[in-house]
Amino acid sequence: MQELIDLLVENAKEHYLKAVLAGAGMCIGWIIGRWRARRNWERREFYDRLNVSLNLISDNTLLIRTLLEKRCEEIFLNTAASKTVIDAARNTTLQDCLLPLKKEDYWYYLNAVLNEISEKFAEGPMLRAMGQQVQCQKFTICLTSEADGNLRMRKVRAMVIGETLLSNLPEEPPRFESPHHDTRWKTLKQLAAARTKSPEKFLTVELCFPLPSPRT
């Protein structure tokens, strides 16, 4: 009988120790998570977010419009791929905002972004397939993380810009809706120069949009 009691006590101690260690691990993880979140907020660094933005010039004004924003893991669908993108975003420079990813892997990351954009604008191709009138345009996609200190937040940013516009950026800067958009203009200039030197870092997507109904 005593042997049974001793066995039960020993098992209870073992499970108690495991429970304490598991609880301590969860507590430490929670504390580290809170610390990282506060640090990132103070630094305005949100590398786990991927922002997809459309860049265009209208009436000689640079316009920047967010198309979508999601967590990196929702775009790249793999923890290892997301971590690679986030680490690359931390290592961009003022002189080179394009993510320093492996040349042979770059297409996979860009294609993940392309799929997300294509899904968002799927109506146009469907209408085109049904013979309806649509307007189509080719856009260039690339992955960046602008490192200019003038920025409000650091994120992974997928730039979307008309292929024709990127190839024919004006020499003189346009007007800016906000003073810190000067950083984006510098980025676009960088991208235009890099597209010829590093074509693997860019991908083209054709987006189609329904034509507005004629007024009666």
N, C-alpha and C. Protein backbone atom coordinates (compact mmCIF):
# COMPACT_ATOMS: atom_id res chain seq x y z
N MET A 1 0.83 -1.21 0.00
CA MET A 1 0.00 0.00 0.00
C MET A 1 0.87 1.27 0.00
N GLN A 2 1.94 1.19 0.83
CA GLN A 2 2.83 2.34 0.91
C GLN A 2 3.51 2.61 -0.43
N GLU A 3 3.83 1.50 -1.13
CA GLU A 3 4.48 1.65 -2.45
C GLU A 3 3.56 2.39 -3.42
N LEU A 4 2.24 2.08 -3.34
CA LEU A 4 1.27 2.74 -4.22
C LEU A 4 1.17 4.23 -3.89
N ILE A 5 1.16 4.52 -2.60
CA ILE A 5 1.09 5.93 -2.18
C ILE A 5 2.32 6.69 -2.65
N ASP A 6 3.49 6.05 -2.48
CA ASP A 6 4.74 6.69 -2.90
C ASP A 6 4.73 6.95 -4.41
N LEU A 7 4.19 5.99 -5.18
CA LEU A 7 4.13 6.14 -6.63
C LEU A 7 3.21 7.30 -7.02
N LEU A 8 2.07 7.38 -6.33
CA LEU A 8 1.14 8.46 -6.61
C LEU A 8 1.74 9.82 -6.27
N VAL A 9 2.44 9.88 -5.16
CA VAL A 9 3.09 11.14 -4.75
C VAL A 9 4.15 11.53 -5.76
N GLU A 10 4.94 10.55 -6.20
CA GLU A 10 6.01 10.82 -7.17
C GLU A 10 5.43 11.33 -8.49
N ASN A 11 4.34 10.69 -8.95
CA ASN A 11 3.69 11.14 -10.19
C ASN A 11 3.12 12.54 -10.03
N ALA A 12 2.56 12.81 -8.86
CA ALA A 12 2.00 14.15 -8.62
C ALA A 12 3.09 15.21 -8.66
N LYS A 13 4.23 14.89 -8.04
CA LYS A 13 5.36 15.83 -8.08
C LYS A 13 5.83 16.08 -9.50
N GLU A 14 5.92 14.99 -10.27
CA GLU A 14 6.41 15.11 -11.65
C GLU A 14 5.47 15.98 -12.48
N HIS A 15 4.16 15.73 -12.38
CA HIS A 15 3.19 16.50 -13.16
C HIS A 15 3.13 17.95 -12.67
N TYR A 16 3.29 18.12 -11.36
CA TYR A 16 3.29 19.48 -10.81
C TYR A 16 4.46 20.27 -11.36
N LEU A 17 5.65 19.63 -11.41
CA LEU A 17 6.84 20.30 -11.92
C LEU A 17 6.66 20.66 -13.40
N LYS A 18 6.08 19.73 -14.17
CA LYS A 18 5.82 20.01 -15.58
C LYS A 18 4.86 21.18 -15.76
N ALA A 19 3.82 21.19 -14.91
CA ALA A 19 2.83 22.26 -15.00
C ALA A 19 3.46 23.61 -14.65
N VAL A 20 4.32 23.60 -13.60
CA VAL A 20 4.99 24.84 -13.21
C VAL A 20 5.90 25.34 -14.33
N LEU A 21 6.69 24.42 -14.92
CA LEU A 21 7.60 24.80 -16.00
C LEU A 21 6.83 25.32 -17.22
N ALA A 22 5.69 24.64 -17.55
CA ALA A 22 4.88 25.08 -18.68
C ALA A 22 4.29 26.46 -18.42
N GLY A 23 3.81 26.67 -17.19
CA GLY A 23 3.25 27.97 -16.84
C GLY A 23 4.31 29.06 -16.88
N ALA A 24 5.51 28.74 -16.39
CA ALA A 24 6.60 29.71 -16.41
C ALA A 24 6.98 30.06 -17.85
N GLY A 25 7.00 29.02 -18.70
CA GLY A 25 7.34 29.26 -20.11
C GLY A 25 6.32 30.16 -20.78
N MET A 26 5.02 29.92 -20.51
CA MET A 26 3.98 30.77 -21.07
C MET A 26 4.09 32.20 -20.56
N CYS A 27 4.41 32.34 -19.30
CA CYS A 27 4.54 33.67 -18.71
C CYS A 27 5.70 34.43 -19.32
N ILE A 28 6.83 33.74 -19.48
CA ILE A 28 8.01 34.38 -20.09
C ILE A 28 7.71 34.77 -21.53
N GLY A 29 7.05 33.86 -22.26
CA GLY A 29 6.69 34.16 -23.64
C GLY A 29 5.78 35.37 -23.74
N TRP A 30 4.83 35.46 -22.81
CA TRP A 30 3.90 36.60 -22.80
C TRP A 30 4.66 37.90 -22.52
N ILE A 31 5.59 37.85 -21.56
CA ILE A 31 6.36 39.05 -21.22
C ILE A 31 7.22 39.49 -22.40
N ILE A 32 7.88 38.53 -23.05
CA ILE A 32 8.72 38.86 -24.21
C ILE A 32 7.87 39.43 -25.33
N GLY A 33 6.69 38.82 -25.55
CA GLY A 33 5.80 39.32 -26.60
C GLY A 33 5.36 40.75 -26.33
N ARG A 34 5.01 41.04 -25.08
CA ARG A 34 4.61 42.41 -24.70
C ARG A 34 5.76 43.38 -24.89
N TRP A 35 6.96 42.95 -24.51
CA TRP A 35 8.14 43.82 -24.64
C TRP A 35 8.43 44.13 -26.11
N ARG A 36 8.35 43.10 -26.96
CA ARG A 36 8.59 43.31 -28.40
C ARG A 36 7.54 44.22 -29.00
N ALA A 37 6.28 44.01 -28.61
CA ALA A 37 5.20 44.84 -29.15
C ALA A 37 5.41 46.31 -28.76
N ARG A 38 5.77 46.55 -27.50
CA ARG A 38 6.01 47.94 -27.06
C ARG A 38 7.22 48.54 -27.78
N ARG A 39 8.28 47.76 -27.91
CA ARG A 39 9.48 48.25 -28.59
C ARG A 39 9.17 48.60 -30.04
N ASN A 40 8.44 47.71 -30.71
CA ASN A 40 8.09 47.97 -32.12
C ASN A 40 7.21 49.21 -32.25
N TRP A 41 6.30 49.39 -31.30
CA TRP A 41 5.43 50.57 -31.34
C TRP A 41 6.25 51.84 -31.15
N GLU A 42 7.17 51.82 -30.19
CA GLU A 42 8.00 52.99 -29.94
C GLU A 42 8.88 53.32 -31.13
N ARG A 43 9.35 52.29 -31.82
CA ARG A 43 10.20 52.51 -33.00
C ARG A 43 9.38 52.69 -34.27
N ARG A 44 8.09 52.46 -34.17
CA ARG A 44 7.19 52.50 -35.33
C ARG A 44 7.64 51.48 -36.38
N GLU A 45 7.99 50.29 -35.91
CA GLU A 45 8.43 49.22 -36.80
C GLU A 45 7.39 48.10 -36.77
N PHE A 46 6.83 47.80 -37.94
CA PHE A 46 5.79 46.77 -38.05
C PHE A 46 6.14 45.86 -39.23
N TYR A 47 7.28 45.19 -39.10
CA TYR A 47 7.78 44.37 -40.20
C TYR A 47 6.93 43.14 -40.47
N ASP A 48 6.07 42.79 -39.53
CA ASP A 48 5.21 41.62 -39.76
C ASP A 48 4.01 41.97 -40.63
N ARG A 49 3.88 43.25 -41.01
CA ARG A 49 2.78 43.70 -41.86
C ARG A 49 3.29 43.94 -43.28
N LEU A 50 2.51 43.50 -44.27
CA LEU A 50 2.83 43.79 -45.66
C LEU A 50 1.76 44.73 -46.21
N ASN A 51 2.20 45.90 -46.63
CA ASN A 51 1.31 46.92 -47.19
C ASN A 51 1.49 46.95 -48.70
N VAL A 52 0.39 46.81 -49.42
CA VAL A 52 0.42 46.89 -50.88
C VAL A 52 -0.16 48.24 -51.28
N SER A 53 0.64 49.06 -51.95
CA SER A 53 0.18 50.41 -52.28
C SER A 53 0.33 50.70 -53.76
N LEU A 54 -0.66 51.40 -54.29
CA LEU A 54 -0.65 51.87 -55.67
C LEU A 54 -0.01 53.25 -55.70
N ASN A 55 0.94 53.44 -56.61
CA ASN A 55 1.63 54.72 -56.76
C ASN A 55 1.33 55.28 -58.14
N LEU A 56 0.80 56.47 -58.21
CA LEU A 56 0.48 57.07 -59.50
C LEU A 56 0.66 58.57 -59.43
N ILE A 57 0.73 59.17 -60.60
CA ILE A 57 0.81 60.62 -60.71
C ILE A 57 -0.41 61.10 -61.47
N SER A 58 -1.18 61.97 -60.83
CA SER A 58 -2.38 62.54 -61.44
C SER A 58 -2.38 64.04 -61.22
N ASP A 59 -2.59 64.79 -62.29
CA ASP A 59 -2.56 66.26 -62.20
C ASP A 59 -1.25 66.73 -61.56
N ASN A 60 -0.16 66.08 -61.97
CA ASN A 60 1.19 66.41 -61.49
C ASN A 60 1.30 66.29 -59.96
N THR A 61 0.52 65.36 -59.38
CA THR A 61 0.59 65.12 -57.95
C THR A 61 0.81 63.62 -57.71
N LEU A 62 1.79 63.30 -56.86
CA LEU A 62 2.05 61.91 -56.51
C LEU A 62 0.97 61.43 -55.55
N LEU A 63 0.28 60.38 -55.95
CA LEU A 63 -0.78 59.81 -55.12
C LEU A 63 -0.35 58.42 -54.67
N ILE A 64 -0.54 58.13 -53.38
CA ILE A 64 -0.21 56.83 -52.81
C ILE A 64 -1.47 56.29 -52.15
N ARG A 65 -1.95 55.17 -52.65
CA ARG A 65 -3.21 54.61 -52.16
C ARG A 65 -3.02 53.15 -51.77
N THR A 66 -3.41 52.81 -50.55
CA THR A 66 -3.29 51.43 -50.08
C THR A 66 -4.34 50.56 -50.74
N LEU A 67 -3.88 49.46 -51.34
CA LEU A 67 -4.79 48.49 -51.94
C LEU A 67 -5.19 47.42 -50.94
N LEU A 68 -4.25 47.01 -50.10
CA LEU A 68 -4.54 46.05 -49.06
C LEU A 68 -3.37 46.01 -48.08
N GLU A 69 -3.64 45.52 -46.89
CA GLU A 69 -2.58 45.31 -45.89
C GLU A 69 -2.94 44.10 -45.06
N LYS A 70 -1.98 43.18 -44.94
CA LYS A 70 -2.19 41.96 -44.18
C LYS A 70 -0.89 41.58 -43.47
N ARG A 71 -1.02 40.62 -42.55
CA ARG A 71 0.18 40.07 -41.94
C ARG A 71 0.96 39.28 -42.98
N CYS A 72 2.26 39.30 -42.87
CA CYS A 72 3.11 38.62 -43.86
C CYS A 72 2.74 37.15 -44.00
N GLU A 73 2.40 36.50 -42.88
CA GLU A 73 2.07 35.07 -42.94
C GLU A 73 0.79 34.81 -43.73
N GLU A 74 -0.08 35.81 -43.83
CA GLU A 74 -1.30 35.64 -44.62
C GLU A 74 -1.00 35.73 -46.11
N ILE A 75 0.08 36.41 -46.46
CA ILE A 75 0.45 36.57 -47.87
C ILE A 75 1.33 35.42 -48.33
N PHE A 76 2.36 35.10 -47.55
CA PHE A 76 3.36 34.12 -47.98
C PHE A 76 3.04 32.71 -47.53
N LEU A 77 2.07 32.56 -46.61
CA LEU A 77 1.49 31.26 -46.23
C LEU A 77 2.51 30.28 -45.68
N ASN A 78 3.63 30.78 -45.18
CA ASN A 78 4.65 29.90 -44.64
C ASN A 78 5.47 30.70 -43.64
N THR A 79 5.65 30.14 -42.45
CA THR A 79 6.37 30.86 -41.39
C THR A 79 7.80 31.17 -41.79
N ALA A 80 8.47 30.19 -42.40
CA ALA A 80 9.87 30.39 -42.79
C ALA A 80 9.99 31.47 -43.87
N ALA A 81 9.07 31.46 -44.84
CA ALA A 81 9.10 32.47 -45.90
C ALA A 81 8.82 33.85 -45.33
N SER A 82 7.86 33.92 -44.42
CA SER A 82 7.54 35.21 -43.80
C SER A 82 8.72 35.76 -43.02
N LYS A 83 9.40 34.89 -42.27
CA LYS A 83 10.57 35.32 -41.49
C LYS A 83 11.68 35.81 -42.40
N THR A 84 11.86 35.14 -43.54
CA THR A 84 12.89 35.57 -44.51
C THR A 84 12.58 36.96 -45.03
N VAL A 85 11.32 37.21 -45.35
CA VAL A 85 10.92 38.53 -45.84
C VAL A 85 11.13 39.60 -44.76
N ILE A 86 10.73 39.29 -43.53
CA ILE A 86 10.86 40.25 -42.43
C ILE A 86 12.33 40.57 -42.15
N ASP A 87 13.17 39.52 -42.14
CA ASP A 87 14.60 39.74 -41.92
C ASP A 87 15.20 40.58 -43.03
N ALA A 88 14.76 40.33 -44.27
CA ALA A 88 15.28 41.11 -45.40
C ALA A 88 14.84 42.57 -45.28
N ALA A 89 13.62 42.79 -44.80
CA ALA A 89 13.11 44.15 -44.66
C ALA A 89 13.92 44.95 -43.64
N ARG A 90 14.43 44.27 -42.64
CA ARG A 90 15.25 44.94 -41.63
C ARG A 90 16.61 45.35 -42.17
N ASN A 91 17.00 44.78 -43.31
CA ASN A 91 18.35 45.00 -43.83
C ASN A 91 18.40 45.85 -45.09
N THR A 92 17.30 46.53 -45.42
CA THR A 92 17.36 47.47 -46.53
C THR A 92 18.08 48.73 -46.09
N THR A 93 18.51 49.52 -47.05
CA THR A 93 19.25 50.74 -46.74
C THR A 93 18.62 51.94 -47.43
N LEU A 94 19.11 53.10 -47.07
CA LEU A 94 18.61 54.32 -47.69
C LEU A 94 18.91 54.32 -49.18
N GLN A 95 20.03 53.69 -49.56
CA GLN A 95 20.45 53.66 -50.96
C GLN A 95 19.77 52.54 -51.76
N ASP A 96 19.28 51.52 -51.07
CA ASP A 96 18.65 50.39 -51.76
C ASP A 96 17.49 49.88 -50.91
N CYS A 97 16.28 50.24 -51.32
CA CYS A 97 15.08 49.87 -50.54
C CYS A 97 14.51 48.52 -50.93
N LEU A 98 15.01 47.89 -52.00
CA LEU A 98 14.50 46.59 -52.42
C LEU A 98 14.96 45.50 -51.46
N LEU A 99 14.08 44.55 -51.16
CA LEU A 99 14.43 43.50 -50.21
C LEU A 99 15.58 42.65 -50.74
N PRO A 100 16.63 42.44 -49.92
CA PRO A 100 17.76 41.63 -50.35
C PRO A 100 17.48 40.13 -50.19
N LEU A 101 16.68 39.61 -51.08
CA LEU A 101 16.33 38.18 -51.07
C LEU A 101 17.17 37.44 -52.10
N LYS A 102 17.26 36.11 -51.95
CA LYS A 102 18.03 35.31 -52.90
C LYS A 102 17.43 35.44 -54.30
N LYS A 103 18.31 35.61 -55.28
CA LYS A 103 17.87 35.81 -56.65
C LYS A 103 16.99 34.67 -57.14
N GLU A 104 17.37 33.43 -56.79
CA GLU A 104 16.63 32.27 -57.29
C GLU A 104 15.28 32.10 -56.60
N ASP A 105 15.08 32.76 -55.47
CA ASP A 105 13.82 32.64 -54.74
C ASP A 105 12.88 33.82 -54.96
N TYR A 106 13.38 34.88 -55.56
CA TYR A 106 12.62 36.13 -55.59
C TYR A 106 11.25 35.96 -56.23
N TRP A 107 11.16 35.18 -57.30
CA TRP A 107 9.89 35.03 -58.03
C TRP A 107 8.79 34.50 -57.11
N TYR A 108 9.12 33.58 -56.21
CA TYR A 108 8.12 32.97 -55.35
C TYR A 108 7.49 34.00 -54.41
N TYR A 109 8.32 34.89 -53.88
CA TYR A 109 7.79 35.93 -52.99
C TYR A 109 6.92 36.92 -53.77
N LEU A 110 7.40 37.34 -54.92
CA LEU A 110 6.62 38.27 -55.74
C LEU A 110 5.32 37.64 -56.23
N ASN A 111 5.38 36.36 -56.57
CA ASN A 111 4.18 35.68 -57.08
C ASN A 111 3.12 35.58 -56.00
N ALA A 112 3.54 35.42 -54.74
CA ALA A 112 2.57 35.38 -53.64
C ALA A 112 1.82 36.71 -53.54
N VAL A 113 2.53 37.81 -53.72
CA VAL A 113 1.89 39.13 -53.69
C VAL A 113 1.00 39.29 -54.91
N LEU A 114 1.50 38.87 -56.07
CA LEU A 114 0.71 38.96 -57.30
C LEU A 114 -0.62 38.21 -57.16
N ASN A 115 -0.57 37.01 -56.57
CA ASN A 115 -1.80 36.22 -56.39
C ASN A 115 -2.80 36.96 -55.51
N GLU A 116 -2.30 37.62 -54.47
CA GLU A 116 -3.18 38.37 -53.56
C GLU A 116 -3.84 39.53 -54.30
N ILE A 117 -3.06 40.24 -55.11
CA ILE A 117 -3.60 41.37 -55.86
C ILE A 117 -4.58 40.90 -56.92
N SER A 118 -4.21 39.83 -57.63
CA SER A 118 -5.07 39.31 -58.69
C SER A 118 -6.42 38.86 -58.14
N GLU A 119 -6.40 38.27 -56.95
CA GLU A 119 -7.66 37.84 -56.33
C GLU A 119 -8.54 39.04 -55.99
N LYS A 120 -7.91 40.10 -55.53
CA LYS A 120 -8.66 41.30 -55.15
C LYS A 120 -9.33 41.94 -56.36
N PHE A 121 -8.67 41.83 -57.53
CA PHE A 121 -9.19 42.47 -58.74
C PHE A 121 -9.63 41.42 -59.77
N ALA A 122 -10.24 40.35 -59.28
CA ALA A 122 -10.64 39.24 -60.15
C ALA A 122 -11.84 39.57 -61.04
N GLU A 123 -12.63 40.57 -60.67
CA GLU A 123 -13.85 40.88 -61.43
C GLU A 123 -13.53 41.25 -62.87
N GLY A 124 -12.48 42.06 -63.07
CA GLY A 124 -12.14 42.51 -64.41
C GLY A 124 -11.87 41.37 -65.38
N PRO A 125 -10.97 40.42 -65.05
CA PRO A 125 -10.72 39.31 -65.95
C PRO A 125 -11.95 38.45 -66.23
N MET A 126 -12.82 38.30 -65.22
CA MET A 126 -14.03 37.51 -65.43
C MET A 126 -14.95 38.20 -66.44
N LEU A 127 -15.09 39.52 -66.32
CA LEU A 127 -15.91 40.26 -67.27
C LEU A 127 -15.31 40.19 -68.66
N ARG A 128 -14.01 40.27 -68.73
CA ARG A 128 -13.31 40.17 -70.02
C ARG A 128 -13.57 38.81 -70.66
N ALA A 129 -13.52 37.75 -69.84
CA ALA A 129 -13.77 36.40 -70.36
C ALA A 129 -15.19 36.25 -70.88
N MET A 130 -16.12 37.03 -70.33
CA MET A 130 -17.52 36.96 -70.75
C MET A 130 -17.82 37.92 -71.89
N GLY A 131 -16.77 38.52 -72.44
CA GLY A 131 -16.94 39.37 -73.61
C GLY A 131 -17.36 40.80 -73.31
N GLN A 132 -17.33 41.21 -72.05
CA GLN A 132 -17.72 42.57 -71.73
C GLN A 132 -16.52 43.51 -71.85
N GLN A 133 -16.81 44.78 -72.03
CA GLN A 133 -15.78 45.78 -72.23
C GLN A 133 -15.08 46.10 -70.91
N VAL A 134 -13.78 45.99 -70.92
CA VAL A 134 -12.98 46.33 -69.74
C VAL A 134 -11.76 47.13 -70.20
N GLN A 135 -11.16 47.82 -69.26
CA GLN A 135 -9.91 48.53 -69.52
C GLN A 135 -8.79 47.83 -68.77
N CYS A 136 -7.72 47.49 -69.48
CA CYS A 136 -6.62 46.74 -68.87
C CYS A 136 -5.33 47.56 -68.90
N GLN A 137 -4.52 47.37 -67.89
CA GLN A 137 -3.24 48.06 -67.81
C GLN A 137 -2.23 47.18 -67.09
N LYS A 138 -0.97 47.26 -67.52
CA LYS A 138 0.09 46.49 -66.89
C LYS A 138 0.73 47.30 -65.77
N PHE A 139 0.94 46.60 -64.64
CA PHE A 139 1.56 47.23 -63.47
C PHE A 139 2.79 46.43 -63.06
N THR A 140 3.74 47.13 -62.50
CA THR A 140 4.95 46.50 -61.98
C THR A 140 4.84 46.37 -60.47
N ILE A 141 5.27 45.20 -59.95
CA ILE A 141 5.24 44.93 -58.52
C ILE A 141 6.65 44.68 -58.03
N CYS A 142 7.00 45.20 -56.87
CA CYS A 142 8.28 44.89 -56.24
C CYS A 142 8.15 44.99 -54.73
N LEU A 143 9.07 44.36 -54.02
CA LEU A 143 9.04 44.31 -52.56
C LEU A 143 10.10 45.24 -51.98
N THR A 144 9.69 46.14 -51.11
CA THR A 144 10.60 47.13 -50.55
C THR A 144 10.39 47.28 -49.05
N SER A 145 11.33 47.99 -48.44
CA SER A 145 11.17 48.48 -47.08
C SER A 145 11.97 49.76 -47.00
N GLU A 146 11.27 50.87 -47.11
CA GLU A 146 11.94 52.17 -47.15
C GLU A 146 12.60 52.45 -45.79
N ALA A 147 13.87 52.87 -45.85
CA ALA A 147 14.65 53.06 -44.62
C ALA A 147 14.87 54.53 -44.28
N ASP A 148 14.17 55.41 -44.96
CA ASP A 148 14.34 56.84 -44.70
C ASP A 148 13.81 57.18 -43.32
N GLY A 149 14.59 57.95 -42.56
CA GLY A 149 14.17 58.33 -41.22
C GLY A 149 12.97 59.25 -41.19
N ASN A 150 12.59 59.79 -42.36
CA ASN A 150 11.44 60.69 -42.43
C ASN A 150 10.11 59.95 -42.40
N LEU A 151 10.17 58.62 -42.50
CA LEU A 151 8.95 57.83 -42.56
C LEU A 151 8.29 57.71 -41.19
N ARG A 152 6.97 57.63 -41.20
CA ARG A 152 6.23 57.48 -39.96
C ARG A 152 6.32 56.04 -39.43
N MET A 153 6.35 55.05 -40.35
CA MET A 153 6.37 53.65 -39.95
C MET A 153 7.24 52.85 -40.91
N ARG A 154 7.90 51.83 -40.37
CA ARG A 154 8.64 50.88 -41.19
C ARG A 154 7.79 49.62 -41.36
N LYS A 155 7.59 49.22 -42.60
CA LYS A 155 6.84 48.02 -42.91
C LYS A 155 7.46 47.37 -44.14
N VAL A 156 7.03 46.15 -44.43
CA VAL A 156 7.29 45.57 -45.74
C VAL A 156 6.27 46.18 -46.68
N ARG A 157 6.74 46.73 -47.79
CA ARG A 157 5.83 47.41 -48.70
C ARG A 157 5.96 46.83 -50.11
N ALA A 158 4.85 46.37 -50.64
CA ALA A 158 4.81 45.95 -52.04
C ALA A 158 4.35 47.14 -52.87
N MET A 159 5.24 47.64 -53.71
CA MET A 159 4.92 48.78 -54.55
C MET A 159 4.22 48.32 -55.82
N VAL A 160 3.16 48.98 -56.17
CA VAL A 160 2.46 48.73 -57.43
C VAL A 160 2.47 50.04 -58.20
N ILE A 161 3.00 50.02 -59.41
CA ILE A 161 3.10 51.23 -60.22
C ILE A 161 2.93 50.86 -61.68
N GLY A 162 2.25 51.70 -62.43
CA GLY A 162 2.05 51.44 -63.85
C GLY A 162 3.38 51.23 -64.56
N GLU A 163 3.44 50.20 -65.38
CA GLU A 163 4.69 49.87 -66.07
C GLU A 163 5.18 51.05 -66.92
N THR A 164 4.27 51.70 -67.60
CA THR A 164 4.64 52.85 -68.43
C THR A 164 5.15 54.00 -67.59
N LEU A 165 4.49 54.27 -66.47
CA LEU A 165 4.91 55.36 -65.60
C LEU A 165 6.31 55.10 -65.04
N LEU A 166 6.56 53.88 -64.58
CA LEU A 166 7.87 53.57 -63.99
C LEU A 166 8.98 53.74 -65.02
N SER A 167 8.68 53.44 -66.27
CA SER A 167 9.69 53.57 -67.33
C SER A 167 9.86 55.01 -67.80
N ASN A 168 8.92 55.88 -67.41
CA ASN A 168 8.96 57.26 -67.90
C ASN A 168 8.69 58.26 -66.77
N LEU A 169 9.35 58.06 -65.64
CA LEU A 169 9.17 59.01 -64.55
C LEU A 169 9.69 60.39 -64.96
N PRO A 170 8.97 61.43 -64.63
CA PRO A 170 9.45 62.77 -64.98
C PRO A 170 10.73 63.11 -64.24
N GLU A 171 11.53 63.98 -64.82
CA GLU A 171 12.78 64.38 -64.19
C GLU A 171 12.51 65.20 -62.93
N GLU A 172 11.57 66.11 -63.02
CA GLU A 172 11.25 66.96 -61.89
C GLU A 172 10.21 66.30 -60.99
N PRO A 173 10.36 66.40 -59.69
CA PRO A 173 9.37 65.79 -58.80
C PRO A 173 8.01 66.45 -58.93
N PRO A 174 6.95 65.66 -58.80
CA PRO A 174 5.60 66.23 -58.83
C PRO A 174 5.28 66.88 -57.48
N ARG A 175 4.06 67.34 -57.35
CA ARG A 175 3.61 67.84 -56.05
C ARG A 175 3.34 66.64 -55.14
N PHE A 176 3.41 66.88 -53.82
CA PHE A 176 3.17 65.83 -52.84
C PHE A 176 1.96 66.17 -52.00
N GLU A 177 1.13 65.15 -51.75
CA GLU A 177 -0.01 65.35 -50.86
C GLU A 177 0.44 65.57 -49.42
N SER A 178 1.59 65.02 -49.08
CA SER A 178 2.15 65.17 -47.74
C SER A 178 3.66 65.33 -47.87
N PRO A 179 4.29 66.13 -47.01
CA PRO A 179 5.73 66.34 -47.13
C PRO A 179 6.56 65.06 -47.10
N HIS A 180 6.14 64.06 -46.29
CA HIS A 180 6.95 62.84 -46.20
C HIS A 180 6.82 61.96 -47.44
N HIS A 181 5.96 62.32 -48.38
CA HIS A 181 5.87 61.59 -49.65
C HIS A 181 7.09 61.83 -50.53
N ASP A 182 7.92 62.77 -50.11
CA ASP A 182 9.19 62.97 -50.79
C ASP A 182 10.02 61.69 -50.75
N THR A 183 9.89 60.93 -49.68
CA THR A 183 10.58 59.64 -49.56
C THR A 183 10.11 58.67 -50.64
N ARG A 184 8.82 58.63 -50.88
CA ARG A 184 8.29 57.72 -51.89
C ARG A 184 8.79 58.10 -53.29
N TRP A 185 8.90 59.38 -53.54
CA TRP A 185 9.42 59.82 -54.84
C TRP A 185 10.85 59.31 -55.03
N LYS A 186 11.67 59.41 -53.98
CA LYS A 186 13.04 58.90 -54.05
C LYS A 186 13.03 57.40 -54.28
N THR A 187 12.09 56.72 -53.63
CA THR A 187 11.96 55.27 -53.81
C THR A 187 11.64 54.92 -55.25
N LEU A 188 10.68 55.63 -55.84
CA LEU A 188 10.30 55.35 -57.22
C LEU A 188 11.47 55.58 -58.17
N LYS A 189 12.27 56.60 -57.89
CA LYS A 189 13.45 56.85 -58.71
C LYS A 189 14.44 55.69 -58.58
N GLN A 190 14.61 55.19 -57.37
CA GLN A 190 15.47 54.02 -57.16
C GLN A 190 14.96 52.81 -57.94
N LEU A 191 13.66 52.59 -57.88
CA LEU A 191 13.07 51.43 -58.54
C LEU A 191 13.23 51.51 -60.05
N ALA A 192 13.05 52.68 -60.60
CA ALA A 192 13.19 52.86 -62.05
C ALA A 192 14.61 52.51 -62.49
N ALA A 193 15.60 52.89 -61.69
CA ALA A 193 16.99 52.60 -62.03
C ALA A 193 17.32 51.13 -61.82
N ALA A 194 16.73 50.52 -60.77
CA ALA A 194 17.06 49.13 -60.42
C ALA A 194 16.38 48.12 -61.34
N ARG A 195 15.30 48.53 -61.98
CA ARG A 195 14.53 47.57 -62.79
C ARG A 195 15.35 46.98 -63.93
N THR A 196 16.23 47.77 -64.50
CA THR A 196 17.08 47.28 -65.59
C THR A 196 18.22 46.41 -65.05
N LYS A 197 18.78 46.81 -63.89
CA LYS A 197 19.92 46.10 -63.33
C LYS A 197 19.52 44.79 -62.65
N SER A 198 18.35 44.77 -62.03
CA SER A 198 17.90 43.58 -61.28
C SER A 198 16.47 43.22 -61.65
N PRO A 199 16.24 42.77 -62.89
CA PRO A 199 14.86 42.50 -63.33
C PRO A 199 14.18 41.40 -62.53
N GLU A 200 14.97 40.52 -61.88
CA GLU A 200 14.36 39.43 -61.11
C GLU A 200 13.62 39.94 -59.88
N LYS A 201 13.85 41.19 -59.49
CA LYS A 201 13.20 41.77 -58.32
C LYS A 201 11.88 42.45 -58.66
N PHE A 202 11.45 42.30 -59.92
CA PHE A 202 10.22 42.95 -60.37
C PHE A 202 9.34 41.93 -61.09
N LEU A 203 8.04 42.13 -60.99
CA LEU A 203 7.09 41.25 -61.65
C LEU A 203 5.99 42.11 -62.25
N THR A 204 5.46 41.68 -63.39
CA THR A 204 4.42 42.44 -64.07
C THR A 204 3.08 41.73 -63.94
N VAL A 205 2.05 42.50 -63.66
CA VAL A 205 0.69 41.97 -63.60
C VAL A 205 -0.21 42.85 -64.45
N GLU A 206 -1.12 42.22 -65.17
CA GLU A 206 -2.11 42.97 -65.94
C GLU A 206 -3.42 42.97 -65.16
N LEU A 207 -3.89 44.15 -64.84
CA LEU A 207 -5.15 44.30 -64.12
C LEU A 207 -6.20 44.89 -65.05
N CYS A 208 -7.40 44.35 -64.96
CA CYS A 208 -8.50 44.81 -65.82
C CYS A 208 -9.63 45.34 -64.94
N PHE A 209 -10.25 46.40 -65.41
CA PHE A 209 -11.30 47.07 -64.66
C PHE A 209 -12.52 47.29 -65.55
N PRO A 210 -13.72 47.14 -65.00
CA PRO A 210 -14.92 47.38 -65.81
C PRO A 210 -14.97 48.83 -66.27
N LEU A 211 -15.41 49.03 -67.50
CA LEU A 211 -15.61 50.39 -68.00
C LEU A 211 -16.86 50.97 -67.37
N PRO A 212 -16.87 52.26 -67.06
CA PRO A 212 -18.08 52.86 -66.48
C PRO A 212 -19.24 52.80 -67.45
N SER A 213 -20.41 52.58 -66.92
CA SER A 213 -21.61 52.52 -67.76
C SER A 213 -21.85 53.88 -68.42
N PRO A 214 -22.22 53.90 -69.71
CA PRO A 214 -22.49 55.18 -70.37
C PRO A 214 -23.70 55.86 -69.76
N ARG A 215 -23.62 57.17 -69.68
CA ARG A 215 -24.72 57.93 -69.13
C ARG A 215 -25.86 58.00 -70.11
N THR A 216 -27.07 57.86 -69.59
CA THR A 216 -28.25 57.90 -70.47
C THR A 216 -28.87 59.29 -70.46
